[in-house]
Amino acid sequence: MNRSRALRLLGLVALAAAVATVAGCGGSGTPTTQTNASGSCANSQLTLVKSGQLTVGTDNPAYPPWYAGGTKSSFWKVNDPSDGKGFESATAYAVARQLGFSPSEVHWAYVPFNRSYAPGQKSFDFDINQISYTPARAKAVTFSTSYYDVNQAVVVLKGTPISKVYTIAGLRSFKLGAQLGSTSYSFITSTIKPTTQTAVYPQNATAVQSLKNGQINGLVVDLPTAFYVTAVQVPHSEVLGQFTSGGGAGYFGMVFRKGNPLARCVDQALSKLRANGTLQQIQQKWLSKATGAPVLK
């Protein structure tokens, strides 16, 4: 064997050893982000904010019907999301079970609504907080598939001039309000197009108070929240109607940092929960009142 042939053989042996070493990585032992990205949704292989714990974000206060059961601590206002009660809390725990997490392995983090879909790193694995999918938001974060298809609605005080309106065009002369950055606000500006400047508020609680005080004529929120506002928050109020077109219909998705492979695993979990009827059961339990509102066209 001449020298050049011997060197070529040694090179081939070294290359084969290197390939074998790379192929063995991730096959056993500590899972890595690469193994998760390749398709595994096994609990032990998920890339999480905190290892061994599913961190779920939501806003504070946590309002019904999305959260329920009250609160046992001074931190969470109105409702504690960790009790599994309310539509979004129950949905989050159902998804967690599909991913292999026990209730004790689910941790809730306070995340202001507008920060949930802002660009950048996240303090949560996913956020569930009535966040409607929009193409603009999807440029900064990744959304799951729908866990609830939702319409927007308008709440008014009974006996006021706006309570006699039954069309979208009829709403344009009234002062409307919504939470800043919400789909409700976008619907007002893009579809209703009022002639009076829309009032915007950092939190929905402030917008509700403005309706209660008569500072706005109508409050635009998602339909289930509208029924809660009329039942609990604003006396002598009513759901004037809901919107099913022109941007009024949409869906709520769980939010992830952009490109997070966990989103695919959550989509798989949601698909199973739809197929076995769990999502429908949760919806019937917590959102059964959100039906029957007239449609405004």
Protein backbone atom coordinates (compact mmCIF):
# COMPACT_ATOMS: atom_id res chain seq x y z
CA MET A 1 0.00 0.00 0.00
CA ASN A 2 1.47 3.34 -1.01
CA ARG A 3 1.57 6.33 1.31
CA SER A 4 -1.15 8.39 -0.41
CA ARG A 5 -3.64 5.47 -0.35
CA ALA A 6 -2.96 4.87 3.34
CA LEU A 7 -3.66 8.51 4.15
CA ARG A 8 -6.97 8.37 2.25
CA LEU A 9 -8.07 5.29 4.20
CA LEU A 10 -7.21 6.94 7.51
CA GLY A 11 -9.27 9.97 6.50
CA LEU A 12 -12.30 7.81 5.70
CA VAL A 13 -12.05 6.04 9.06
CA ALA A 14 -11.90 9.39 10.90
CA LEU A 15 -14.92 10.72 8.97
CA ALA A 16 -16.97 7.60 9.76
CA ALA A 17 -16.14 7.94 13.46
CA ALA A 18 -17.21 11.58 13.45
CA VAL A 19 -20.55 10.77 11.75
CA ALA A 20 -21.22 8.00 14.28
CA THR A 21 -20.55 10.39 17.15
CA VAL A 22 -22.94 13.04 15.78
CA ALA A 23 -25.64 10.44 15.11
CA GLY A 24 -25.43 9.26 18.72
CA CYS A 25 -26.09 12.75 20.14
CA GLY A 26 -29.63 13.22 21.47
CA GLY A 27 -30.46 9.54 21.05
CA SER A 28 -30.31 8.98 24.81
CA GLY A 29 -29.45 10.90 27.92
CA THR A 30 -30.47 14.55 28.45
CA PRO A 31 -32.89 15.79 25.76
CA THR A 32 -31.95 18.92 23.87
CA THR A 33 -33.76 21.69 22.04
CA GLN A 34 -32.69 20.01 18.79
CA THR A 35 -34.52 16.74 19.63
CA ASN A 36 -37.67 18.70 20.50
CA ALA A 37 -37.49 20.69 17.27
CA SER A 38 -37.21 17.43 15.32
CA GLY A 39 -40.69 16.36 16.36
CA SER A 40 -40.87 14.95 19.88
CA CYS A 41 -43.64 16.21 22.19
CA ALA A 42 -42.66 13.95 25.07
CA ASN A 43 -42.87 15.80 28.39
CA SER A 44 -39.18 15.25 29.12
CA GLN A 45 -38.13 16.72 25.77
CA LEU A 46 -40.08 19.98 25.79
CA THR A 47 -38.05 23.17 25.86
CA LEU A 48 -39.49 25.12 28.79
CA VAL A 49 -38.91 28.42 30.59
CA LYS A 50 -38.27 26.38 33.72
CA SER A 51 -37.33 22.70 33.50
CA GLY A 52 -40.00 20.28 34.68
CA GLN A 53 -42.63 23.03 34.96
CA LEU A 54 -45.20 24.39 32.51
CA THR A 55 -45.36 28.17 32.95
CA VAL A 56 -48.67 29.69 31.82
CA GLY A 57 -49.15 33.44 31.53
CA THR A 58 -52.31 35.49 31.96
CA ASP A 59 -53.35 38.99 32.99
CA ASN A 60 -54.32 40.18 36.47
CA PRO A 61 -57.19 40.70 37.33
CA ALA A 62 -58.40 37.37 35.93
CA TYR A 63 -62.08 37.84 35.14
CA PRO A 64 -65.00 35.43 34.68
CA PRO A 65 -66.07 33.53 32.70
CA TRP A 66 -62.45 32.93 31.70
CA TYR A 67 -61.39 32.41 35.33
CA ALA A 68 -63.55 31.65 38.36
CA GLY A 69 -63.54 30.47 41.96
CA GLY A 70 -62.29 33.62 43.67
CA THR A 71 -58.85 34.06 45.16
CA LYS A 72 -57.05 32.87 48.27
CA SER A 73 -54.05 35.17 47.97
CA SER A 74 -53.51 38.91 47.81
CA PHE A 75 -51.57 38.63 44.55
CA TRP A 76 -54.29 37.43 42.16
CA LYS A 77 -57.23 39.82 41.96
CA VAL A 78 -60.81 38.61 41.43
CA ASN A 79 -59.81 35.01 40.59
CA ASP A 80 -56.80 32.75 41.04
CA PRO A 81 -56.08 31.01 37.70
CA SER A 82 -54.43 28.05 39.42
CA ASP A 83 -57.71 26.58 40.71
CA GLY A 84 -58.71 25.13 37.34
CA LYS A 85 -62.02 26.99 37.31
CA GLY A 86 -63.23 29.16 34.44
CA PHE A 87 -62.96 28.45 30.72
CA GLU A 88 -59.32 29.42 30.16
CA SER A 89 -58.02 27.94 33.39
CA ALA A 90 -59.79 24.63 32.70
CA THR A 91 -58.54 24.66 29.09
CA ALA A 92 -54.95 25.31 30.18
CA TYR A 93 -55.01 22.39 32.60
CA ALA A 94 -56.58 20.11 29.98
CA VAL A 95 -53.74 20.96 27.57
CA ALA A 96 -51.19 20.48 30.36
CA ARG A 97 -52.52 16.97 31.01
CA GLN A 98 -52.20 16.14 27.33
CA LEU A 99 -48.56 17.29 27.48
CA GLY A 100 -47.92 15.07 30.51
CA PHE A 101 -47.95 17.69 33.30
CA SER A 102 -49.76 17.21 36.59
CA PRO A 103 -51.67 20.19 38.06
CA SER A 104 -48.87 20.75 40.58
CA GLU A 105 -46.39 21.14 37.69
CA VAL A 106 -48.35 24.05 36.19
CA HIS A 107 -47.19 27.51 37.33
CA TRP A 108 -49.11 30.73 36.55
CA ALA A 109 -47.30 33.98 35.77
CA TYR A 110 -48.74 37.49 35.60
CA VAL A 111 -48.32 38.91 32.09
CA PRO A 112 -50.04 42.19 31.10
CA PHE A 113 -52.21 41.75 28.02
CA ASN A 114 -50.19 43.98 25.68
CA ARG A 115 -46.88 42.38 26.67
CA SER A 116 -48.07 38.87 25.84
CA TYR A 117 -47.80 39.38 22.08
CA ALA A 118 -44.96 41.93 22.06
CA PRO A 119 -41.69 40.89 20.36
CA GLY A 120 -38.86 39.38 22.39
CA GLN A 121 -38.20 36.72 24.99
CA LYS A 122 -41.05 35.46 27.15
CA SER A 123 -41.44 34.66 30.83
CA PHE A 124 -44.03 32.00 29.95
CA ASP A 125 -44.27 28.83 27.89
CA PHE A 126 -47.67 29.94 26.61
CA ASP A 127 -50.06 32.74 27.47
CA ILE A 128 -53.85 32.27 27.55
CA ASN A 129 -55.73 35.53 27.96
CA GLN A 130 -58.45 36.05 25.33
CA ILE A 131 -55.80 36.97 22.78
CA SER A 132 -57.29 37.04 19.31
CA TYR A 133 -55.17 35.95 16.38
CA THR A 134 -54.26 38.73 13.96
CA PRO A 135 -51.65 38.69 11.16
CA ALA A 136 -49.92 41.69 12.76
CA ARG A 137 -49.54 39.94 16.12
CA ALA A 138 -48.39 36.75 14.40
CA LYS A 139 -45.35 38.61 13.08
CA ALA A 140 -44.01 38.93 16.64
CA VAL A 141 -45.26 35.73 18.30
CA THR A 142 -46.51 32.27 17.40
CA PHE A 143 -50.18 31.41 17.93
CA SER A 144 -51.75 28.05 18.58
CA THR A 145 -54.80 26.94 16.66
CA SER A 146 -58.14 28.12 18.04
CA TYR A 147 -59.25 27.07 21.48
CA TYR A 148 -62.34 29.29 21.17
CA ASP A 149 -64.02 30.92 18.18
CA VAL A 150 -65.34 34.27 19.32
CA ASN A 151 -67.46 37.21 18.19
CA GLN A 152 -67.17 40.79 19.36
CA ALA A 153 -70.17 42.43 21.05
CA VAL A 154 -71.27 45.82 22.34
CA VAL A 155 -72.62 46.53 25.84
CA VAL A 156 -74.80 49.59 26.52
CA LEU A 157 -76.84 51.04 29.37
CA LYS A 158 -80.53 50.28 29.16
CA GLY A 159 -82.82 53.14 28.15
CA THR A 160 -80.06 55.23 26.53
CA PRO A 161 -80.30 56.39 22.89
CA ILE A 162 -77.72 53.82 21.73
CA SER A 163 -79.88 51.00 23.14
CA LYS A 164 -82.34 51.65 20.30
CA VAL A 165 -79.72 51.00 17.61
CA TYR A 166 -79.74 47.72 15.65
CA THR A 167 -77.14 48.24 12.91
CA ILE A 168 -73.40 48.84 12.72
CA ALA A 169 -74.03 52.09 10.84
CA GLY A 170 -76.28 53.27 13.65
CA LEU A 171 -73.41 52.98 16.15
CA ARG A 172 -71.17 55.46 14.34
CA SER A 173 -72.47 58.61 15.99
CA PHE A 174 -71.90 57.29 19.52
CA LYS A 175 -68.80 57.32 21.70
CA LEU A 176 -67.45 53.80 22.01
CA GLY A 177 -64.67 52.42 24.18
CA ALA A 178 -62.40 49.38 24.35
CA GLN A 179 -59.12 48.14 25.78
CA LEU A 180 -56.04 49.47 24.00
CA GLY A 181 -54.41 46.91 21.73
CA SER A 182 -57.40 44.58 21.79
CA THR A 183 -59.25 43.12 18.83
CA SER A 184 -62.30 44.97 20.15
CA TYR A 185 -60.51 48.29 19.63
CA SER A 186 -59.39 47.25 16.14
CA PHE A 187 -62.97 46.30 15.26
CA ILE A 188 -64.25 49.71 16.30
CA THR A 189 -61.70 51.59 14.20
CA SER A 190 -61.72 49.32 11.14
CA THR A 191 -65.37 48.29 10.87
CA ILE A 192 -67.67 50.51 12.93
CA LYS A 193 -65.64 53.65 12.13
CA PRO A 194 -67.36 56.02 14.57
CA THR A 195 -67.45 59.74 13.89
CA THR A 196 -66.49 60.38 17.54
CA GLN A 197 -62.99 59.47 18.71
CA THR A 198 -62.86 56.05 20.34
CA ALA A 199 -61.95 55.97 24.04
CA VAL A 200 -59.10 53.56 24.81
CA TYR A 201 -58.09 52.16 28.20
CA PRO A 202 -55.01 50.25 29.43
CA GLN A 203 -57.23 47.63 31.09
CA ASN A 204 -60.76 46.45 30.44
CA ALA A 205 -61.71 47.23 34.06
CA THR A 206 -61.22 50.94 33.37
CA ALA A 207 -63.32 50.74 30.23
CA VAL A 208 -66.09 49.00 32.17
CA GLN A 209 -66.04 51.75 34.78
CA SER A 210 -66.33 54.39 32.06
CA LEU A 211 -69.47 52.72 30.74
CA LYS A 212 -70.84 52.52 34.26
CA ASN A 213 -70.17 56.25 34.74
CA GLY A 214 -71.75 57.15 31.41
CA GLN A 215 -68.46 58.45 29.98
CA ILE A 216 -68.89 56.22 26.93
CA ASN A 217 -72.09 55.12 25.22
CA GLY A 218 -71.01 51.61 24.32
CA LEU A 219 -68.30 49.15 25.38
CA VAL A 220 -66.98 46.70 22.79
CA VAL A 221 -65.66 43.39 24.16
CA ASP A 222 -65.79 39.71 23.22
CA LEU A 223 -69.23 38.14 23.61
CA PRO A 224 -68.65 36.03 26.77
CA THR A 225 -67.09 39.02 28.54
CA ALA A 226 -70.09 41.13 27.46
CA PHE A 227 -72.45 38.79 29.30
CA TYR A 228 -70.28 38.97 32.41
CA VAL A 229 -70.24 42.78 32.26
CA THR A 230 -74.04 42.90 32.14
CA ALA A 231 -74.54 40.25 34.80
CA VAL A 232 -72.00 41.44 37.37
CA GLN A 233 -70.12 44.63 36.63
CA VAL A 234 -72.54 47.23 35.26
CA PRO A 235 -76.10 47.44 36.66
CA HIS A 236 -78.89 48.20 34.17
CA SER A 237 -76.73 47.27 31.19
CA GLU A 238 -77.43 44.91 28.31
CA VAL A 239 -75.72 43.23 25.39
CA LEU A 240 -76.97 45.28 22.46
CA GLY A 241 -75.71 42.74 19.95
CA GLN A 242 -72.81 40.77 18.51
CA PHE A 243 -70.85 41.07 15.27
CA THR A 244 -70.27 38.08 13.00
CA SER A 245 -68.68 39.78 10.00
CA GLY A 246 -66.34 42.58 9.03
CA GLY A 247 -63.65 41.53 11.48
CA GLY A 248 -66.05 40.87 14.35
CA ALA A 249 -65.53 37.12 14.23
CA GLY A 250 -62.18 35.59 15.12
CA TYR A 251 -60.50 33.10 17.40
CA PHE A 252 -58.53 33.03 20.61
CA GLY A 253 -55.15 31.32 20.45
CA MET A 254 -52.49 30.58 23.00
CA VAL A 255 -49.40 32.74 22.48
CA PHE A 256 -45.77 31.55 22.36
CA ARG A 257 -42.45 33.23 21.72
CA LYS A 258 -41.87 33.39 17.98
CA GLY A 259 -40.90 30.00 16.57
CA ASN A 260 -41.33 28.06 19.81
CA PRO A 261 -41.68 24.35 18.85
CA LEU A 262 -43.96 23.90 21.87
CA ALA A 263 -46.76 25.49 19.81
CA ARG A 264 -46.92 22.42 17.58
CA CYS A 265 -47.25 20.17 20.61
CA VAL A 266 -50.05 22.33 22.03
CA ASP A 267 -51.81 22.21 18.66
CA GLN A 268 -51.69 18.42 18.84
CA ALA A 269 -53.12 18.55 22.37
CA LEU A 270 -55.94 20.88 21.29
CA SER A 271 -56.74 18.59 18.36
CA LYS A 272 -57.15 15.64 20.73
CA LEU A 273 -59.27 17.69 23.14
CA ARG A 274 -61.56 18.68 20.27
CA ALA A 275 -61.82 15.13 18.99
CA ASN A 276 -62.72 13.61 22.36
CA GLY A 277 -65.22 16.35 23.21
CA THR A 278 -63.30 17.83 26.15
CA LEU A 279 -63.13 21.36 24.72
CA GLN A 280 -66.85 21.35 24.02
CA GLN A 281 -67.59 20.16 27.56
CA ILE A 282 -65.43 22.92 29.05
CA GLN A 283 -67.16 25.48 26.83
CA GLN A 284 -70.63 24.29 27.82
CA LYS A 285 -69.72 24.43 31.50
CA TRP A 286 -68.21 27.91 31.58
CA LEU A 287 -69.57 29.76 28.52
CA SER A 288 -73.10 28.45 28.23
CA LYS A 289 -74.59 31.92 28.79
CA ALA A 290 -72.69 33.43 25.86
CA THR A 291 -75.44 32.68 23.34
CA GLY A 292 -78.52 34.34 21.98
CA ALA A 293 -77.33 37.91 21.45
CA PRO A 294 -78.81 39.52 18.32
CA VAL A 295 -76.50 40.05 15.34
CA LEU A 296 -75.74 43.64 14.32
CA LYS A 297 -75.18 44.12 10.57
